Protein backbone atom coordinates (compact mmCIF):
# COMPACT_ATOMS: atom_id res chain seq x y z
CA MET A 1 64.73 95.50 44.08
CA LEU A 2 62.12 92.86 44.83
CA VAL A 3 58.57 94.20 45.04
CA LYS A 4 55.18 92.81 45.94
CA THR A 5 52.93 91.86 43.08
CA VAL A 6 49.80 93.98 43.41
CA THR A 7 48.63 94.11 39.80
CA THR A 8 49.55 92.28 36.66
CA VAL A 9 50.75 95.55 35.14
CA VAL A 10 54.46 96.04 35.79
CA ALA A 11 55.97 99.52 35.98
CA THR A 12 59.35 101.01 36.74
CA ASP A 13 60.18 104.17 38.64
CA SER A 14 62.45 106.95 37.40
CA ALA A 15 65.52 104.96 38.48
CA GLY A 16 64.39 101.94 36.48
CA LYS A 17 63.46 99.87 39.53
CA PRO A 18 60.37 97.61 39.34
CA VAL A 19 57.44 99.04 41.31
CA ASP A 20 53.95 98.04 42.34
CA ALA A 21 51.54 99.36 39.72
CA LEU A 22 48.97 101.06 41.89
CA PRO A 23 46.75 103.62 40.15
CA VAL A 24 46.56 106.79 42.24
CA ARG A 25 44.21 109.68 42.76
CA TYR A 26 44.67 112.98 44.55
CA ALA A 27 44.36 112.51 48.29
CA GLY A 28 41.39 113.77 50.17
CA ALA A 29 41.60 116.23 53.04
CA GLY A 30 43.64 114.90 55.94
CA GLU A 31 45.08 111.83 54.24
CA THR A 32 48.66 111.15 55.29
CA ASP A 33 51.26 108.42 54.90
CA VAL A 34 52.96 106.52 57.72
CA LEU A 35 55.33 109.42 58.28
CA GLY A 36 52.46 111.84 58.74
CA ARG A 37 52.94 113.57 55.38
CA PRO A 38 50.18 114.54 52.94
CA VAL A 39 50.06 111.85 50.29
CA THR A 40 48.59 110.82 47.01
CA ALA A 41 46.19 108.08 48.06
CA ILE A 42 46.16 104.78 46.23
CA SER A 43 42.78 103.56 44.99
CA ALA A 44 43.60 99.92 45.73
CA THR A 45 43.24 98.85 49.35
CA GLU A 46 44.43 95.26 49.05
CA ASP A 47 47.08 93.49 47.07
CA ALA A 48 46.50 90.34 45.02
CA LEU A 49 46.76 88.20 48.17
CA GLY A 50 44.20 90.25 50.01
CA THR A 51 46.79 91.89 52.27
CA PRO A 52 45.89 95.45 53.29
CA VAL A 53 48.09 98.00 51.50
CA ARG A 54 49.36 101.04 53.38
CA VAL A 55 49.20 104.48 51.80
CA VAL A 56 52.85 105.19 51.04
CA THR A 57 54.25 107.55 48.45
CA GLY A 58 57.59 107.24 46.78
CA LYS A 59 58.92 108.21 43.35
CA THR A 60 56.12 108.60 40.88
CA ALA A 61 56.07 106.34 37.82
CA GLN A 62 53.72 105.33 35.01
CA ASN A 63 52.76 101.79 34.21
CA SER A 64 52.44 100.38 30.71
CA ALA A 65 48.83 101.59 30.51
CA GLY A 66 49.93 105.15 31.17
CA GLN A 67 48.44 105.19 34.66
CA TRP A 68 50.29 107.03 37.44
CA VAL A 69 51.47 104.68 40.15
CA ASP A 70 53.22 104.84 43.49
CA SER A 71 56.70 103.29 43.70
CA ILE A 72 56.50 101.06 46.78
CA PRO A 73 59.46 98.88 47.84
CA ILE A 74 58.68 95.41 49.08
CA ASP A 75 59.51 96.01 52.76
CA LEU A 76 56.69 98.56 53.10
CA GLY A 77 58.21 99.56 56.40
CA GLY A 78 61.55 101.01 55.29
CA HIS A 79 62.66 104.36 54.08
CA PRO A 80 61.12 106.12 51.09
CA PRO A 81 63.05 105.43 47.88
CA TRP A 82 66.39 107.18 47.55
CA VAL A 83 66.93 109.12 44.31
CA PRO A 84 70.67 109.09 43.66
CA ASP A 85 72.67 111.93 42.14
CA ALA A 86 76.22 110.63 41.83
CA ASN A 87 77.55 114.01 40.67
CA ARG A 88 76.30 115.97 43.66
CA TYR A 89 78.92 116.79 46.27
CA MET A 90 77.82 115.72 49.74
CA PRO A 91 79.70 115.47 53.07
CA ALA A 92 81.96 112.45 53.00
CA ALA A 93 83.68 112.29 56.39
CA THR A 94 82.77 111.54 59.99
CA GLY A 95 84.63 113.30 62.79
CA ILE A 96 85.22 116.61 60.98
CA HIS A 97 86.00 119.75 63.03
CA TRP A 98 86.09 123.41 62.08
CA SER A 99 89.26 125.27 63.11
CA GLN A 100 88.44 126.63 66.54
CA GLY A 101 89.26 127.60 70.07
CA PHE A 102 92.64 129.31 70.22
CA THR A 103 95.59 130.27 68.06
CA GLN A 104 99.00 128.66 68.52
CA THR A 105 102.45 130.14 67.91
CA TYR A 106 105.07 128.63 65.61
CA ALA A 107 108.12 127.91 67.79
CA ALA A 108 111.71 127.89 66.56
CA GLY A 109 112.53 124.55 64.99
CA LEU A 110 108.85 123.57 64.99
CA ASN A 111 107.33 125.90 62.41
CA TYR A 112 106.86 123.22 59.73
CA GLN A 113 104.04 120.93 60.77
CA CYS A 114 102.10 117.91 59.55
CA SER A 115 98.82 116.34 60.65
CA LYS A 116 97.69 112.84 59.72
CA LEU A 117 93.99 112.33 60.41
CA PHE A 118 91.56 109.52 59.60
CA PHE A 119 87.86 109.76 58.76
CA GLY A 120 84.95 107.48 57.90
CA SER A 121 83.40 107.59 54.43
CA PRO A 122 79.66 107.26 53.68
CA ASP A 123 77.99 103.90 53.13
CA TYR A 124 78.25 104.22 49.36
CA PRO A 125 81.23 104.45 46.97
CA THR A 126 82.75 107.95 46.68
CA ASN A 127 85.25 109.83 44.56
CA SER A 128 86.27 113.32 43.39
CA PHE A 129 86.96 114.57 46.91
CA LEU A 130 86.63 118.29 47.62
CA VAL A 131 88.68 119.37 50.64
CA PRO A 132 88.39 122.93 51.98
CA TYR A 133 90.89 124.45 54.44
CA LEU A 134 90.15 127.56 56.51
CA GLY A 135 92.22 130.64 57.29
CA PHE A 136 89.91 131.58 60.16
CA GLY A 137 88.67 129.93 63.34
CA LEU A 138 85.54 129.77 65.48
CA THR A 139 85.13 131.06 69.00
CA ASP A 140 84.73 128.19 71.46
CA GLY A 141 82.35 129.21 74.25
CA GLY A 142 81.42 132.82 74.91
CA ASN A 143 80.34 134.25 71.56
CA ALA A 144 80.45 130.92 69.73
CA PRO A 145 80.20 130.21 66.87
CA GLN A 146 81.50 133.62 65.79
CA GLU A 147 84.46 133.27 63.42
CA THR A 148 86.78 135.67 65.20
CA ILE A 149 89.71 133.54 66.43
CA ASN A 150 92.15 134.20 63.63
CA PRO A 151 95.86 133.66 62.94
CA ASN A 152 98.04 136.72 62.35
CA ALA A 153 99.36 135.43 59.02
CA ASP A 154 98.34 133.20 56.14
CA ILE A 155 98.58 129.44 56.69
CA LEU A 156 100.97 128.14 54.02
CA ILE A 157 100.10 124.63 52.85
CA ASP A 158 103.12 122.89 51.31
CA GLU A 159 101.34 119.67 50.34
CA ALA A 160 98.32 117.59 51.24
CA PHE A 161 97.45 113.98 50.50
CA PHE A 162 94.47 111.65 50.49
CA ILE A 163 95.48 108.38 52.17
CA HIS A 164 93.67 105.40 50.67
CA PRO A 165 92.82 102.47 53.00
CA ASN A 166 95.49 100.47 51.17
CA GLY A 167 98.12 103.04 52.22
CA THR A 168 98.56 104.72 48.84
CA GLU A 169 98.73 108.51 49.01
CA TYR A 170 97.20 110.72 46.31
CA PRO A 171 98.06 114.43 46.17
CA ILE A 172 95.34 116.97 46.85
CA LEU A 173 95.74 119.87 44.42
CA PHE A 174 94.69 123.51 44.74
CA SER A 175 93.90 124.93 41.30
CA GLY A 176 96.18 122.23 39.91
CA VAL A 177 99.16 122.81 42.21
CA SER A 178 100.20 121.30 45.53
CA THR A 179 100.78 124.52 47.46
CA VAL A 180 98.42 127.25 48.56
CA ALA A 181 98.32 130.18 50.96
CA VAL A 182 95.13 130.09 53.02
CA VAL A 183 94.45 133.75 53.66
CA ALA A 184 94.35 134.67 57.33
CA ALA A 185 90.98 135.64 58.83
CA THR A 186 88.96 135.29 55.62
CA GLY A 187 90.33 132.63 53.29
CA VAL A 188 89.09 129.21 52.26
CA ALA A 189 91.23 127.06 49.96
CA PHE A 190 89.49 124.20 48.14
CA GLY A 191 91.61 121.20 47.26
CA LEU A 192 90.57 118.43 44.85
CA VAL A 193 91.64 114.82 44.45
CA THR A 194 90.21 112.11 42.21
CA LEU A 195 91.13 108.50 42.89
CA PRO A 196 91.82 106.02 40.06
CA ALA A 197 88.85 103.97 41.34
CA ASP A 198 85.98 104.77 43.68
CA LEU A 199 86.67 104.59 47.40
CA PRO A 200 84.66 101.60 48.68
CA ALA A 201 81.64 102.31 50.84
CA TRP A 202 82.21 102.59 54.59
CA SER A 203 85.97 103.07 54.34
CA ILE A 204 88.44 104.58 56.79
CA TYR A 205 90.69 106.97 54.88
CA GLY A 206 93.17 109.67 55.82
CA ILE A 207 94.11 113.25 55.02
CA ARG A 208 97.73 114.27 55.59
CA THR A 209 98.42 117.99 55.54
CA VAL A 210 101.82 119.72 55.62
CA TRP A 211 101.96 123.46 56.34
CA HIS A 212 104.29 126.09 57.74
CA GLY A 213 104.60 129.64 58.95
CA THR A 214 107.18 132.11 60.19
CA VAL A 215 108.51 131.54 63.69
CA GLY A 216 106.54 133.78 66.05
CA ASN A 217 103.46 133.92 63.84
CA THR A 218 100.27 132.11 64.76
CA TYR A 219 97.97 129.52 63.20
CA ILE A 220 94.73 127.81 64.23
CA GLY A 221 93.67 124.15 64.12
CA GLY A 222 90.74 122.01 65.12
CA TYR A 223 91.91 118.42 65.66
CA ARG A 224 93.18 116.53 68.68
CA ALA A 225 95.16 113.60 67.25
CA GLN A 226 93.60 110.31 68.31
CA ARG A 227 96.43 107.95 69.17
CA HIS A 228 94.39 104.75 69.18
CA ARG A 229 93.34 105.46 65.58
CA GLY A 230 96.88 106.05 64.30
CA GLU A 231 96.54 109.81 64.02
CA LYS A 232 99.75 111.86 64.24
CA TYR A 233 100.89 115.46 64.64
CA TRP A 234 104.52 116.27 63.84
CA ALA A 235 106.62 119.45 63.80
CA ALA A 236 110.13 120.27 62.54
CA GLY A 237 112.24 123.20 61.37
CA ASP A 238 112.12 122.73 57.59
CA LEU A 239 110.14 120.99 54.85
CA ALA A 240 112.59 118.12 54.32
CA SER A 241 112.60 117.30 58.02
CA ILE A 242 108.82 117.29 58.35
CA GLN A 243 108.53 115.13 55.23
CA ALA A 244 111.00 112.68 56.76
CA LEU A 245 108.96 112.47 59.97
CA ALA A 246 105.80 111.77 57.98
CA ALA A 247 107.57 109.12 55.88
CA ALA A 248 108.85 107.37 59.01
CA ASN A 249 105.35 107.52 60.54
CA GLY A 250 106.78 107.49 64.04
CA PRO A 251 105.10 108.90 67.16
CA SER A 252 103.87 112.48 67.15
CA THR A 253 106.39 115.15 68.05
CA ALA A 254 106.35 115.51 71.84
CA ASP A 255 105.73 119.24 71.66
CA ARG A 256 102.64 118.72 69.50
CA ASP A 257 101.22 115.80 71.50
CA PRO A 258 102.60 116.05 75.02
CA ASP A 259 101.73 113.02 77.09
CA ALA A 260 100.48 115.03 80.06
CA ARG A 261 97.99 116.92 77.87
CA TYR A 262 96.68 114.05 75.76
CA ASN A 263 92.87 113.92 75.75
CA CYS A 264 92.72 117.15 77.79
CA LEU A 265 90.45 120.15 77.34
CA GLY A 266 91.57 123.71 78.05
CA ASN A 267 93.36 126.71 76.58
CA VAL A 268 96.50 126.96 74.48
CA SER A 269 98.61 126.12 77.52
CA THR A 270 96.60 123.22 78.96
CA SER A 271 94.68 121.59 76.09
CA GLN A 272 95.97 118.85 73.87
CA PRO A 273 97.31 120.91 70.94
CA LEU A 274 94.95 121.33 67.99
CA ALA A 275 96.29 120.31 64.58
CA PHE A 276 95.39 122.09 61.36
CA GLY A 277 93.38 119.98 58.91
CA PRO A 278 90.42 119.97 56.52
CA ALA A 279 87.39 122.02 57.57
CA GLN A 280 85.04 119.63 55.78
CA ILE A 281 85.35 116.90 53.15
CA PHE A 282 82.83 116.53 50.33
CA ALA A 283 82.67 113.88 47.60
CA LYS A 284 80.63 112.68 44.66
CA GLY A 285 78.75 109.39 44.62
CA TRP A 286 75.63 110.27 46.66
CA ASP A 287 73.07 107.47 46.65
CA GLY A 288 70.09 109.66 47.50
CA ARG A 289 69.83 109.08 51.26
CA PRO A 290 69.07 112.03 53.56
CA VAL A 291 72.01 114.26 54.44
CA ALA A 292 71.86 116.38 57.60
CA MET A 293 73.09 119.91 58.09
CA VAL A 294 73.13 120.06 61.89
CA LEU A 295 72.72 123.28 63.89
CA SER A 296 74.79 122.19 66.84
CA ASP A 297 76.63 122.92 70.07
CA SER A 298 78.78 120.80 72.40
CA LEU A 299 75.91 118.43 73.16
CA VAL A 300 76.16 117.06 69.61
CA GLU A 301 79.74 115.87 69.95
CA ARG A 302 82.16 117.57 72.32
CA GLN A 303 81.42 115.55 75.42
CA GLU A 304 84.42 113.62 74.15
CA LEU A 305 87.89 114.78 73.12
CA ALA A 306 90.18 112.17 71.53
CA ALA A 307 90.71 108.88 73.37
CA SER A 308 87.10 107.69 73.20
CA ALA A 309 86.41 108.23 69.49
CA ASP A 310 85.06 105.19 67.68
CA ALA A 311 86.72 103.55 64.68
CA ARG A 312 85.17 106.13 62.33
CA ARG A 313 86.14 109.16 64.48
CA ASN A 314 82.60 109.61 65.81
CA MET A 315 82.17 111.20 69.20
CA GLY A 316 79.07 112.33 71.08
CA VAL A 317 75.45 111.21 70.99
CA ILE A 318 74.26 112.64 67.68
CA GLY A 319 77.38 111.80 65.66
CA ARG A 320 77.29 108.18 66.83
CA TRP A 321 73.53 107.86 66.29
CA LEU A 322 73.49 109.39 62.80
CA ASP A 323 76.36 107.16 61.68
CA GLN A 324 74.76 103.87 62.70
CA GLN A 325 74.30 101.50 59.74
CA ASP A 326 70.70 100.65 60.47
CA SER A 327 69.38 97.88 58.22
CA THR A 328 66.21 99.84 57.49
CA TRP A 329 67.16 103.51 57.67
CA GLY A 330 70.87 103.40 56.93
CA SER A 331 73.51 105.80 58.18
CA THR A 332 73.09 109.56 57.71
CA PRO A 333 75.96 111.69 56.36
CA HIS A 334 76.12 115.02 58.16
CA ILE A 335 77.77 118.39 58.67
CA PHE A 336 77.98 119.81 62.19
CA MET A 337 77.82 123.59 61.87
CA GLY A 338 78.53 124.48 65.48
CA LEU A 339 80.98 123.77 68.27
CA PRO A 340 81.06 124.00 72.07
CA GLY A 341 79.33 127.09 73.39
CA ALA A 342 77.46 127.82 70.18
CA LYS A 343 74.31 129.87 70.65
CA SER A 344 71.39 129.86 68.24
CA GLN A 345 71.22 133.65 68.49
CA ASN A 346 74.84 133.96 67.23
CA GLU A 347 74.65 131.47 64.36
CA LEU A 348 74.17 132.66 60.78
CA ALA A 349 74.44 136.22 62.09
CA THR A 350 77.07 138.92 62.56
CA SER A 351 80.61 137.47 62.55
CA ALA A 352 79.25 133.96 61.96
CA MET A 353 78.67 133.92 58.20
CA LYS A 354 81.91 132.68 56.66
CA ARG A 355 81.17 128.95 56.92
CA TRP A 356 77.87 129.61 55.15
CA ASP A 357 79.11 132.07 52.53
CA SER A 358 82.57 130.67 51.83
CA VAL A 359 82.12 126.93 52.32
CA LEU A 360 78.53 125.66 52.04
CA ASP A 361 77.38 128.14 49.42
CA VAL A 362 80.57 127.81 47.39
CA VAL A 363 79.99 124.06 47.22
CA LYS A 364 76.36 124.71 46.30
CA ASN A 365 76.97 127.27 43.58
CA ASN A 366 80.44 126.45 42.22
CA TYR A 367 80.42 122.66 42.40
CA ASN A 368 76.80 121.49 42.74
CA GLY A 369 75.02 123.58 40.14
CA GLY A 370 72.85 125.31 42.74
CA LEU A 371 72.11 122.23 44.87
CA ASN A 372 72.93 122.29 48.58
CA PRO A 373 75.38 119.74 50.00
CA TRP A 374 72.62 118.60 52.36
CA THR A 375 68.94 117.64 52.11
CA PHE A 376 67.50 118.73 55.45
CA VAL A 377 68.35 120.75 58.55
CA PHE A 378 68.55 119.15 61.99
CA ASP A 379 68.25 121.73 64.78
CA GLN A 380 69.91 120.46 67.96
CA SER A 381 70.89 123.97 69.08
CA GLY A 382 69.47 126.13 71.87
CA ARG A 383 71.02 124.91 75.10
CA ASN A 384 73.39 127.88 75.38
CA ASP A 385 70.61 130.43 74.76
CA ASN A 386 69.06 129.61 78.14
CA ASN A 387 67.01 132.38 79.68
CA ALA A 388 64.71 132.60 82.69
CA THR A 389 61.95 133.73 80.34
CA ALA A 390 60.89 130.69 78.34
CA SER A 391 59.65 132.63 75.33
CA THR A 392 62.95 134.51 75.06
CA TRP A 393 64.90 131.27 75.23
CA ALA A 394 62.73 129.54 72.63
CA ASN A 395 62.73 132.55 70.32
CA PHE A 396 66.51 132.54 70.09
CA LYS A 397 66.27 128.97 68.76
CA PHE A 398 63.37 129.84 66.46
CA GLY A 399 65.18 132.90 65.12
CA LEU A 400 67.95 130.71 63.73
CA VAL A 401 65.42 128.49 61.96
CA ASP A 402 63.81 131.61 60.49
CA ARG A 403 67.19 132.78 59.19
CA ILE A 404 67.77 129.33 57.66
CA LYS A 405 64.43 129.46 55.85
CA THR A 406 65.03 133.03 54.68
CA ARG A 407 68.35 131.92 53.21
CA TYR A 408 67.36 128.57 51.74
CA GLY A 409 63.62 128.80 51.23
CA ALA A 410 60.44 128.59 53.25
CA GLY A 411 60.03 124.95 52.25
CA THR A 412 63.35 123.86 53.77
CA HIS A 413 62.77 120.63 55.71
CA VAL A 414 63.79 121.32 59.29
CA VAL A 415 63.73 118.63 61.98
CA GLY A 416 63.69 120.06 65.47
CA MET A 417 65.01 118.64 68.69
CA THR A 418 64.08 119.44 72.27
CA ILE A 419 66.74 120.51 74.77
CA GLN A 420 68.09 118.16 77.42
CA PRO A 421 68.37 119.28 81.06
CA THR A 422 71.40 120.37 83.01
CA VAL A 423 71.74 118.90 86.51
CA THR A 424 73.89 119.20 89.62
CA SER A 425 75.16 116.71 92.18
CA ASN A 426 73.86 117.25 95.69
CA PRO A 427 76.01 116.93 97.68
CA THR A 428 78.92 117.50 95.31
CA ASN A 429 81.09 114.83 96.93
CA GLN A 430 78.61 112.22 95.72
CA ASN A 431 79.78 112.98 92.16
CA TYR A 432 76.37 112.24 90.55
CA HIS A 433 76.58 108.71 91.94
CA ALA A 434 72.91 107.98 92.67
CA LEU A 435 69.56 109.20 91.42
CA ALA A 436 68.97 110.61 94.90
CA ASN A 437 72.01 112.88 94.40
CA ILE A 438 70.68 114.51 91.22
CA ALA A 439 69.26 118.01 91.61
CA VAL A 440 67.61 120.09 88.89
CA ALA A 441 67.14 123.86 89.06
CA THR A 442 63.83 125.34 87.93
CA LEU A 443 65.51 126.74 84.80
CA TRP A 444 66.50 123.23 83.68
CA ASP A 445 63.49 121.28 84.88
CA ALA A 446 62.09 119.40 81.87
CA VAL A 447 59.10 118.14 83.85
CA ALA A 448 57.71 121.25 85.54
CA GLY A 449 60.13 124.13 85.05
CA THR A 450 61.29 126.66 82.47
CA LEU A 451 62.79 123.99 80.23
CA LYS A 452 59.45 122.17 80.15
CA THR A 453 57.81 125.33 78.79
CA VAL A 454 60.61 125.84 76.27
CA ASN A 455 60.38 122.26 75.03
CA ASP A 456 56.60 122.55 74.76
CA LEU A 457 57.09 125.62 72.57
CA ILE A 458 59.59 123.71 70.43
CA LYS A 459 57.17 120.80 70.04
CA ALA A 460 54.35 123.14 69.02
CA SER A 461 56.33 125.26 66.56
CA SER A 462 55.25 125.05 62.92
CA ARG A 463 58.82 125.91 61.93
CA TYR A 464 59.67 122.23 62.30
CA ALA A 465 58.37 119.70 59.80
CA ARG A 466 59.12 116.96 62.34
CA LEU A 467 60.57 116.82 65.83
CA ILE A 468 62.68 114.46 67.96
CA ASP A 469 62.17 114.69 71.72
CA ILE A 470 65.59 113.89 73.20
CA VAL A 471 64.53 114.16 76.84
CA PRO A 472 63.06 110.64 77.34
CA TYR A 473 65.98 109.03 75.52
CA TRP A 474 68.50 110.95 77.67
CA SER A 475 66.62 110.36 80.92
CA ASP A 476 66.94 107.65 83.51
CA ASP A 477 63.91 105.36 83.23
CA ARG A 478 63.33 105.93 86.93
CA ALA A 479 62.90 109.71 86.58
CA LEU A 480 62.11 111.73 83.46
CA GLY A 481 64.39 114.76 83.25
CA LYS A 482 67.24 113.22 85.24
CA PRO A 483 70.16 111.31 83.72
CA PRO A 484 71.17 107.71 84.43
CA THR A 485 73.64 107.52 87.30
CA PRO A 486 76.76 105.42 87.94
CA GLU A 487 74.97 103.25 90.51
CA LEU A 488 73.36 101.55 87.48
CA PHE A 489 76.76 100.63 86.01
CA PRO A 490 78.86 98.77 88.63
CA ILE A 491 82.00 97.10 87.26
CA GLY A 492 83.62 95.53 90.33
CA ASN A 493 86.30 96.98 92.57
CA VAL A 494 89.59 98.79 92.19
CA VAL A 495 92.45 96.32 92.60
CA GLY A 496 94.20 97.34 95.80
CA HIS A 497 94.61 101.09 95.75
CA PRO A 498 96.35 103.70 93.59
CA GLY A 499 99.11 105.87 95.01
CA ASN A 500 100.43 105.92 98.55
CA GLN A 501 97.18 106.59 100.41
CA ASP A 502 98.87 109.55 102.07
CA GLY A 503 96.76 112.30 100.50
CA VAL A 504 99.97 114.09 99.49
CA THR A 505 101.64 112.07 96.73
CA THR A 506 99.89 112.32 93.36
CA TRP A 507 99.17 109.22 91.31
CA SER A 508 98.46 108.72 87.60
CA THR A 509 97.67 105.01 87.28
CA ILE A 510 95.04 102.75 88.79
CA VAL A 511 94.64 98.95 88.53
CA LEU A 512 91.24 97.74 87.34
CA PRO A 513 89.62 94.30 87.22
CA LEU A 514 88.62 94.68 83.56
CA GLN A 515 89.57 96.41 80.33
CA VAL A 516 87.46 99.56 80.17
CA PRO A 517 87.05 101.39 76.84
CA LEU A 518 89.57 104.14 76.16
CA GLY A 519 88.16 107.51 77.12
CA SER A 520 85.89 106.00 79.77
CA ARG A 521 85.33 107.97 82.92
CA ILE A 522 85.37 105.62 85.91
CA GLN A 523 83.88 106.48 89.28
CA PHE A 524 85.03 104.92 92.55
CA GLU A 525 84.06 105.19 96.19
CA TYR A 526 87.40 106.56 97.37
CA GLN A 527 86.27 106.63 101.00
CA PRO A 528 83.03 105.20 102.41
CA GLY A 529 80.15 107.22 101.05
CA LEU A 530 82.40 109.55 99.02
CA TYR A 531 82.86 109.31 95.24
CA THR A 532 85.20 110.75 92.66
CA SER A 533 86.17 109.88 89.07
CA ARG A 534 88.99 109.76 86.53
CA THR A 535 89.14 109.64 82.71
CA ILE A 536 91.16 106.75 81.22
CA ARG A 537 93.49 107.76 78.39
CA ALA A 538 95.53 104.55 78.15
CA ILE A 539 95.26 101.00 79.45
CA ALA A 540 97.64 98.02 79.57
CA ASP A 541 96.99 94.32 80.14
CA ASN A 542 98.91 93.01 83.15
CA GLY A 543 98.51 89.42 81.98
CA ASN A 544 96.84 88.29 85.20
CA GLY A 545 93.26 89.38 84.64
CA THR A 546 93.90 92.95 85.74
CA TRP A 547 94.58 96.11 83.76
CA THR A 548 96.65 99.17 84.59
CA ALA A 549 94.88 102.33 83.46
CA THR A 550 96.53 105.74 83.00
CA VAL A 551 94.38 108.74 83.79
CA ASN A 552 94.22 112.10 82.02
CA GLY A 553 97.10 114.40 82.88
CA ASP A 554 94.76 117.08 84.19
CA GLU A 555 93.28 114.57 86.66
CA VAL A 556 96.50 113.58 88.44
CA PHE A 557 95.77 114.26 92.12
CA ALA A 558 96.72 112.83 95.50
CA THR A 559 93.32 111.33 96.28
CA ASN A 560 93.54 108.86 99.16
CA VAL A 561 91.64 105.82 97.88
CA GLN A 562 90.51 103.03 100.21
CA ASP A 563 91.50 99.46 99.37
CA ASN A 564 89.33 97.69 96.81
CA ALA A 565 87.09 100.69 96.27
CA PRO A 566 83.75 99.92 94.56
CA LEU A 567 84.00 100.85 90.90
CA PHE A 568 81.44 102.17 88.39
CA TYR A 569 81.20 103.64 84.91
CA MET A 570 80.64 107.39 85.19
CA THR A 571 77.77 108.80 83.12
CA GLN A 572 78.21 112.54 83.68
CA VAL A 573 81.16 114.91 83.42
CA ASP A 574 79.78 118.14 84.81
CA GLY A 575 75.98 117.92 84.78
CA ILE A 576 75.91 119.42 81.28
CA HIS A 577 78.01 116.98 79.28
CA GLU A 578 77.77 113.23 79.47
CA ALA A 579 80.76 110.97 80.01
CA LEU A 580 81.29 108.13 77.52
CA HIS A 581 78.84 105.69 79.07
CA GLY A 582 76.17 108.36 79.35
CA ILE A 583 76.73 109.08 75.67
CA LEU A 584 76.46 105.42 74.72
CA TYR A 585 73.34 105.12 76.88
CA THR A 586 71.53 107.94 75.06
CA ALA A 587 72.78 107.11 71.57
CA GLY A 588 71.64 103.52 72.01
CA ARG A 589 68.16 104.53 73.15
CA ILE A 590 67.26 106.85 70.27
CA PRO A 591 65.41 104.56 67.85
CA GLN A 592 66.83 104.46 64.37
CA SER A 593 63.23 104.83 63.19
CA GLU A 594 63.48 108.48 64.25
CA LYS A 595 65.41 108.86 60.97
CA ALA A 596 62.04 108.55 59.21
CA LYS A 597 61.59 112.21 60.12
CA PHE A 598 64.46 113.20 57.84
CA TYR A 599 62.25 112.77 54.76
CA SER A 600 60.11 115.61 53.46
């Protein structure tokens, strides 16, 4: 690493990198670095060129005269030095999901199943992958994240493979063998695979899992296969047949990925089926960057389902933001602990301990020599603990942080986050179209209501070493505490009209004047002054400058749409969750420099 020349005495830090040799003393009262942390103050105030030197601490080193010095990289505006530990297992996959939501029943002729899923690796070379599978599932909504949605029999893994970007498959072994029974309701099975050479940084790799059960028994999964990323979900009646389907790599079995339910949310009867797969993926190779363990709910990721995932399987605001390869702060590997509906008051508490005891702490104690597979905690949670009494609401969030610090130590670095508002459309037939249509109840008012008080309590809490205020990044610049609206995102007009315009015959396709991103929610003025929206799950080029878009199967209605209806990108789904362009809006507005707060 290039460094500024401050003295003629050259030193190296503990990683052997050249550093500026700046003699140090103990800091006086109140001295802090640029991140607001107490520091060891340098005695020099200018470098050899007379440039003022900021007080920045990094790894401590000694120069050749035996003086203690600060290790200061040349950019003097980047992240503190990363101290690598290549043997420490850290999360190594974007787009991971815990098993969750609902159990599914093995049907006759379909009780052998296979999922093929693709993930993004960290921005450093990795190897020695540790792949846990769960025998239990998390409640989605209600009492989330309690781990009480369980299959009625063990999940029997027949084989699992790591798919290298070059297409080569490497077997994942469980205690040296390819098969394992993941015990229902309580079990976690850890698989291991070591590649002949390190996986390159920033790779897309796959995990293919084959499992089975007895017809009539149940299992639980967590993954909606993402068609645009080559993910598959097959089912057959025996092992040889399912292996043949995987080898042919044809389309998913219709029963496991029905067209009408693709990219749909719901229950076991209406949702896109959830495939079984890895609960997390860890790997060696860590380069020392911060790693987040995120206390989360649906606002972290589950505003999206399948069709809108990016190339690395990221969905939602926080997942996309953390994974950005910023030139200064880098991307941030992470583990999302929660799921939709998760409440702070339920996390790391009764019936919500297995992920902590049987996954995170097993990695810590059995594989990492007592080191956690994360470096700091990021607390996004709290939205679902809402209460008319601000102190009650805030204390549910604080209670989880207290339990974290009791478990992992009072010095655990916790970064807090404020809570974004929930809004309604008034009137509803305006479908959140304009800022004038956005209404906010007192409970959710981030400017003068209960939520304002809650967020003020969060900002003032000493439980958090640092804090990110999400509200201004989420808000429309015209009105703090209200989201951006579709009127800001016009994209032309619908070509002609979908359907028969009779209000009776349903329609599932609509012709657009541009190629919109998969998973986009489009809004259109279906009659003068009235707005509605659809989610786009597939799109085809007509070859004439127009595109035929197919809408989600649960949004096939008989809406009578006027000719050439004005068209917009939708930013909200339901006033709680953002649609894709609302997600991209917020994720793009959170400065990457907020990642400075991840350092203790």
